[in-house]
Amino acid sequence: MRLDKFLWFARLAPSRSQAQDLCESRRLRIDGRVVDRASALVRAGSVLSWPRGDEIIVVRVEGLPERRGPYVEARGFYTDLTPGRQAVTMAAQHDPLPEGLALA
């Protein structure tokens, strides 16, 4: 599948034109190699990485969507490997709520 189409279908880019711009900016990588065209092919198992603000987004492609569906469906086509995100999620699950936020 074309990279720009995957980014748009998986809701990693808000529009197809923004996905194309990201692909052609030479800031996105597939399995560590720099991408310079939106028509680069992506397949299940590929690891994509690109900068967004102050962080580097890293995702592994789990499957190829046939359409641009709702976020919950799109989220199943990739695994977020961004450094630091899992640690925050796991810490939040194990820490009790502060007294001011505790549920009654």
C-alpha atoms as a PDB file:
ATOM      1  CA  MET A   1       0.000   0.000   0.000  1.00  0.00           C
ATOM      2  CA  ARG A   2       1.187   3.551  -0.681  1.00  0.00           C
ATOM      3  CA  LEU A   3       2.623   5.199   2.411  1.00  0.00           C
ATOM      4  CA  ASP A   4       0.540   8.379   2.152  1.00  0.00           C
ATOM      5  CA  LYS A   5      -2.634   6.333   1.833  1.00  0.00           C
ATOM      6  CA  PHE A   6      -1.726   4.219   4.872  1.00  0.00           C
ATOM      7  CA  LEU A   7      -1.028   7.310   7.012  1.00  0.00           C
ATOM      8  CA  TRP A   8      -4.389   8.773   6.049  1.00  0.00           C
ATOM      9  CA  PHE A   9      -6.392   5.520   6.387  1.00  0.00           C
ATOM     10  CA  ALA A  10      -4.791   4.781   9.797  1.00  0.00           C
ATOM     11  CA  ARG A  11      -5.601   8.347  10.933  1.00  0.00           C
ATOM     12  CA  LEU A  12      -1.944   9.178  11.564  1.00  0.00           C
ATOM     13  CA  ALA A  13      -2.349  12.202   9.268  1.00  0.00           C
ATOM     14  CA  PRO A  14      -5.441  14.452   9.228  1.00  0.00           C
ATOM     15  CA  SER A  15      -5.614  14.612   5.410  1.00  0.00           C
ATOM     16  CA  ARG A  16      -4.132  12.807   2.450  1.00  0.00           C
ATOM     17  CA  SER A  17      -2.377  15.965   1.266  1.00  0.00           C
ATOM     18  CA  GLN A  18      -0.718  16.391   4.678  1.00  0.00           C
ATOM     19  CA  ALA A  19       0.323  12.729   4.547  1.00  0.00           C
ATOM     20  CA  GLN A  20       1.886  13.370   1.119  1.00  0.00           C
ATOM     21  CA  ASP A  21       3.678  16.463   2.426  1.00  0.00           C
ATOM     22  CA  LEU A  22       5.102  14.463   5.347  1.00  0.00           C
ATOM     23  CA  CYS A  23       6.319  11.716   3.008  1.00  0.00           C
ATOM     24  CA  GLU A  24       8.006  14.188   0.666  1.00  0.00           C
ATOM     25  CA  SER A  25       9.616  16.199   3.491  1.00  0.00           C
ATOM     26  CA  ARG A  26      12.344  13.545   3.977  1.00  0.00           C
ATOM     27  CA  ARG A  27      11.549  13.470   7.719  1.00  0.00           C
ATOM     28  CA  LEU A  28       9.724  10.124   7.659  1.00  0.00           C
ATOM     29  CA  ARG A  29      11.547   6.785   7.761  1.00  0.00           C
ATOM     30  CA  ILE A  30      10.461   3.244   6.934  1.00  0.00           C
ATOM     31  CA  ASP A  31      12.571   0.645   8.754  1.00  0.00           C
ATOM     32  CA  GLY A  32      15.287   3.259   9.248  1.00  0.00           C
ATOM     33  CA  ARG A  33      15.581   4.444   5.642  1.00  0.00           C
ATOM     34  CA  VAL A  34      14.571   7.968   4.656  1.00  0.00           C
ATOM     35  CA  VAL A  35      11.449   8.281   2.506  1.00  0.00           C
ATOM     36  CA  ASP A  36      11.240  11.010  -0.129  1.00  0.00           C
ATOM     37  CA  ARG A  37       8.086  10.053  -2.015  1.00  0.00           C
ATOM     38  CA  ALA A  38       4.467   9.480  -1.075  1.00  0.00           C
ATOM     39  CA  SER A  39       4.263   6.403  -3.296  1.00  0.00           C
ATOM     40  CA  ALA A  40       6.750   4.430  -1.170  1.00  0.00           C
ATOM     41  CA  LEU A  41       5.274   1.052  -0.297  1.00  0.00           C
ATOM     42  CA  VAL A  42       4.471   0.034   3.259  1.00  0.00           C
ATOM     43  CA  ARG A  43       3.597  -3.470   4.422  1.00  0.00           C
ATOM     44  CA  ALA A  44       2.699  -5.252   7.649  1.00  0.00           C
ATOM     45  CA  GLY A  45       5.720  -5.361   9.951  1.00  0.00           C
ATOM     46  CA  SER A  46       7.229  -2.084   8.708  1.00  0.00           C
ATOM     47  CA  VAL A  47       8.316   0.405  11.362  1.00  0.00           C
ATOM     48  CA  LEU A  48       7.584   4.069  10.599  1.00  0.00           C
ATOM     49  CA  SER A  49       9.142   7.003  12.450  1.00  0.00           C
ATOM     50  CA  TRP A  50       8.907  10.785  12.088  1.00  0.00           C
ATOM     51  CA  PRO A  51       9.216  13.895  14.262  1.00  0.00           C
ATOM     52  CA  ARG A  52       6.087  15.593  15.592  1.00  0.00           C
ATOM     53  CA  GLY A  53       6.746  18.615  17.767  1.00  0.00           C
ATOM     54  CA  ASP A  54       9.288  17.701  20.445  1.00  0.00           C
ATOM     55  CA  GLU A  55       8.877  13.932  20.154  1.00  0.00           C
ATOM     56  CA  ILE A  56       9.628  11.204  17.633  1.00  0.00           C
ATOM     57  CA  ILE A  57       6.576   9.130  16.691  1.00  0.00           C
ATOM     58  CA  VAL A  58       7.349   5.438  16.114  1.00  0.00           C
ATOM     59  CA  VAL A  59       4.696   2.956  14.941  1.00  0.00           C
ATOM     60  CA  ARG A  60       4.782  -0.620  13.672  1.00  0.00           C
ATOM     61  CA  VAL A  61       2.316  -1.452  10.892  1.00  0.00           C
ATOM     62  CA  GLU A  62       0.162  -4.414  11.940  1.00  0.00           C
ATOM     63  CA  GLY A  63      -2.112  -4.573   8.905  1.00  0.00           C
ATOM     64  CA  LEU A  64      -3.255  -2.637   5.875  1.00  0.00           C
ATOM     65  CA  PRO A  65      -6.685  -0.979   6.019  1.00  0.00           C
ATOM     66  CA  GLU A  66      -9.018  -1.087   3.039  1.00  0.00           C
ATOM     67  CA  ARG A  67     -10.687   2.224   3.885  1.00  0.00           C
ATOM     68  CA  ARG A  68     -10.503   5.198   6.231  1.00  0.00           C
ATOM     69  CA  GLY A  69     -12.759   4.055   9.020  1.00  0.00           C
ATOM     70  CA  PRO A  70     -13.409   5.330  12.541  1.00  0.00           C
ATOM     71  CA  TYR A  71     -10.478   5.905  14.911  1.00  0.00           C
ATOM     72  CA  VAL A  72     -11.127   2.722  16.920  1.00  0.00           C
ATOM     73  CA  GLU A  73     -10.914   0.638  13.742  1.00  0.00           C
ATOM     74  CA  ALA A  74      -7.913   2.541  12.378  1.00  0.00           C
ATOM     75  CA  ARG A  75      -6.003   2.160  15.671  1.00  0.00           C
ATOM     76  CA  GLY A  76      -5.903  -1.611  15.145  1.00  0.00           C
ATOM     77  CA  PHE A  77      -3.692  -1.294  12.069  1.00  0.00           C
ATOM     78  CA  TYR A  78      -0.604  -0.068  13.956  1.00  0.00           C
ATOM     79  CA  THR A  79       1.141  -0.380  17.318  1.00  0.00           C
ATOM     80  CA  ASP A  80       2.502   2.787  18.911  1.00  0.00           C
ATOM     81  CA  LEU A  81       6.163   2.228  19.842  1.00  0.00           C
ATOM     82  CA  THR A  82       6.899   5.865  20.689  1.00  0.00           C
ATOM     83  CA  PRO A  83       9.484   5.966  23.516  1.00  0.00           C
ATOM     84  CA  GLY A  84       8.058   7.122  26.827  1.00  0.00           C
ATOM     85  CA  ARG A  85       4.379   6.658  26.013  1.00  0.00           C
ATOM     86  CA  GLN A  86       4.084   3.133  27.426  1.00  0.00           C
ATOM     87  CA  ALA A  87       5.867   4.121  30.633  1.00  0.00           C
ATOM     88  CA  VAL A  88       3.414   6.956  31.223  1.00  0.00           C
ATOM     89  CA  THR A  89       0.430   4.690  30.544  1.00  0.00           C
ATOM     90  CA  MET A  90       1.709   1.908  32.825  1.00  0.00           C
ATOM     91  CA  ALA A  91       2.556   4.350  35.631  1.00  0.00           C
ATOM     92  CA  ALA A  92      -0.909   5.867  35.418  1.00  0.00           C
ATOM     93  CA  GLN A  93      -2.496   2.429  35.853  1.00  0.00           C
ATOM     94  CA  HIS A  94      -0.572   1.599  39.032  1.00  0.00           C
ATOM     95  CA  ASP A  95      -0.573   4.942  40.833  1.00  0.00           C
ATOM     96  CA  PRO A  96      -3.597   5.650  43.022  1.00  0.00           C
ATOM     97  CA  LEU A  97      -5.564   8.795  42.309  1.00  0.00           C
ATOM     98  CA  PRO A  98      -4.663  11.852  44.388  1.00  0.00           C
ATOM     99  CA  GLU A  99      -7.186  12.491  47.163  1.00  0.00           C
ATOM    100  CA  GLY A 100      -8.678  15.463  45.322  1.00  0.00           C
ATOM    101  CA  LEU A 101      -9.404  13.291  42.255  1.00  0.00           C
ATOM    102  CA  ALA A 102     -10.527  10.114  44.016  1.00  0.00           C
ATOM    103  CA  LEU A 103     -13.910   8.799  42.971  1.00  0.00           C
ATOM    104  CA  ALA A 104     -16.577   8.748  45.666  1.00  0.00           C
END
